[in-house]
C-alpha atoms as a PDB file:
ATOM      1  CA  MET A   1       0.000  -0.002   0.000  1.00  0.00           C
ATOM      2  CA  PHE A   2       2.740   2.450   0.932  1.00  0.00           C
ATOM      3  CA  VAL A   3       4.755   1.484  -2.129  1.00  0.00           C
ATOM      4  CA  GLN A   4       1.814   2.269  -4.401  1.00  0.00           C
ATOM      5  CA  LEU A   5       1.297   5.627  -2.715  1.00  0.00           C
ATOM      6  CA  PHE A   6       4.997   6.409  -3.061  1.00  0.00           C
ATOM      7  CA  VAL A   7       4.968   5.558  -6.776  1.00  0.00           C
ATOM      8  CA  VAL A   8       1.900   7.736  -7.405  1.00  0.00           C
ATOM      9  CA  LEU A   9       3.456  10.685  -5.573  1.00  0.00           C
ATOM     10  CA  LEU A  10       6.725  10.213  -7.428  1.00  0.00           C
ATOM     11  CA  VAL A  11       4.981  10.227 -10.815  1.00  0.00           C
ATOM     12  CA  LEU A  12       2.965  13.341  -9.910  1.00  0.00           C
ATOM     13  CA  ASN A  13       6.140  15.080  -8.800  1.00  0.00           C
ATOM     14  CA  VAL A  14       7.864  14.385 -12.129  1.00  0.00           C
ATOM     15  CA  PHE A  15       4.957  15.725 -14.196  1.00  0.00           C
ATOM     16  CA  THR A  16       4.616  18.814 -12.006  1.00  0.00           C
ATOM     17  CA  TYR A  17       8.331  19.554 -12.318  1.00  0.00           C
ATOM     18  CA  GLU A  18       8.196  19.247 -16.123  1.00  0.00           C
ATOM     19  CA  ALA A  19       5.186  21.578 -16.347  1.00  0.00           C
ATOM     20  CA  VAL A  20       6.920  24.219 -14.239  1.00  0.00           C
ATOM     21  CA  ALA A  21      10.095  23.934 -16.318  1.00  0.00           C
ATOM     22  CA  GLN A  22       8.125  24.468 -19.531  1.00  0.00           C
ATOM     23  CA  VAL A  23       6.449  27.601 -18.148  1.00  0.00           C
ATOM     24  CA  ASP A  24       9.800  29.078 -17.092  1.00  0.00           C
ATOM     25  CA  GLU A  25      11.301  28.503 -20.552  1.00  0.00           C
ATOM     26  CA  GLN A  26       8.598  30.335 -22.503  1.00  0.00           C
ATOM     27  CA  PRO A  27       9.805  33.362 -24.450  1.00  0.00           C
ATOM     28  CA  CYS A  28       8.982  36.801 -23.140  1.00  0.00           C
ATOM     29  CA  LYS A  29       5.896  37.933 -25.024  1.00  0.00           C
ATOM     30  CA  ASP A  30       2.393  39.258 -24.564  1.00  0.00           C
ATOM     31  CA  GLN A  31      -0.499  36.859 -25.076  1.00  0.00           C
ATOM     32  CA  LEU A  32      -2.847  39.727 -25.898  1.00  0.00           C
ATOM     33  CA  GLN A  33      -2.496  42.309 -28.643  1.00  0.00           C
ATOM     34  CA  THR A  34       0.012  45.024 -27.826  1.00  0.00           C
ATOM     35  CA  LYS A  35      -2.598  47.791 -27.895  1.00  0.00           C
ATOM     36  CA  TYR A  36      -4.597  46.083 -25.133  1.00  0.00           C
ATOM     37  CA  CYS A  37      -1.543  45.504 -22.967  1.00  0.00           C
ATOM     38  CA  GLU A  38      -0.335  49.075 -23.418  1.00  0.00           C
ATOM     39  CA  SER A  39      -3.791  50.418 -22.556  1.00  0.00           C
ATOM     40  CA  ALA A  40      -3.933  48.283 -19.408  1.00  0.00           C
ATOM     41  CA  LYS A  41      -0.421  49.386 -18.417  1.00  0.00           C
ATOM     42  CA  SER A  42      -1.328  53.059 -18.840  1.00  0.00           C
ATOM     43  CA  LYS A  43      -4.252  52.494 -16.446  1.00  0.00           C
ATOM     44  CA  GLY A  44      -1.908  51.025 -13.812  1.00  0.00           C
ATOM     45  CA  LEU A  45      -3.247  47.487 -14.077  1.00  0.00           C
ATOM     46  CA  CYS A  46       0.218  45.893 -14.291  1.00  0.00           C
ATOM     47  CA  ASN A  47       0.809  46.526 -10.593  1.00  0.00           C
ATOM     48  CA  GLY A  48      -2.750  46.574  -9.294  1.00  0.00           C
ATOM     49  CA  PRO A  49      -3.355  44.294  -6.299  1.00  0.00           C
ATOM     50  CA  LYS A  50      -6.249  42.527  -8.027  1.00  0.00           C
ATOM     51  CA  THR A  51      -4.892  42.528 -11.579  1.00  0.00           C
ATOM     52  CA  ALA A  52      -1.128  41.948 -11.326  1.00  0.00           C
ATOM     53  CA  GLY A  53      -1.400  38.149 -11.594  1.00  0.00           C
ATOM     54  CA  LEU A  54      -3.495  38.302 -14.729  1.00  0.00           C
ATOM     55  CA  MET A  55      -1.275  40.959 -16.276  1.00  0.00           C
ATOM     56  CA  LYS A  56       1.828  38.892 -15.524  1.00  0.00           C
ATOM     57  CA  ARG A  57       0.352  35.998 -17.512  1.00  0.00           C
ATOM     58  CA  ARG A  58      -1.234  37.976 -20.365  1.00  0.00           C
ATOM     59  CA  CYS A  59       1.032  41.029 -20.808  1.00  0.00           C
ATOM     60  CA  ALA A  60       4.409  39.948 -19.432  1.00  0.00           C
ATOM     61  CA  LYS A  61       6.504  41.872 -21.955  1.00  0.00           C
ATOM     62  CA  THR A  62       4.586  45.148 -21.835  1.00  0.00           C
ATOM     63  CA  CYS A  63       4.365  45.089 -18.030  1.00  0.00           C
ATOM     64  CA  GLU A  64       8.099  44.283 -17.798  1.00  0.00           C
ATOM     65  CA  TYR A  65       7.664  41.040 -15.853  1.00  0.00           C
ATOM     66  CA  CYS A  66      10.190  39.133 -17.968  1.00  0.00           C
ATOM     67  CA  LYS A  67      13.517  38.035 -16.594  1.00  0.00           C
ATOM     68  CA  ALA A  68      16.529  39.947 -17.804  1.00  0.00           C
END
């Protein structure tokens, strides 16, 4: 029973690690059109407490969230 649980957790760990690695390796780009990202940035949405997470995913380049 414990061996089966260990194997399941090990497999889940491998897939989770691969998914995170793929996200980190994505090129720095906006998922939305530039005009929308620039408009949102001008309204201060890149750093807003309720919108920063969404902006980081959708407008990473425009909001300057990309790694150097």
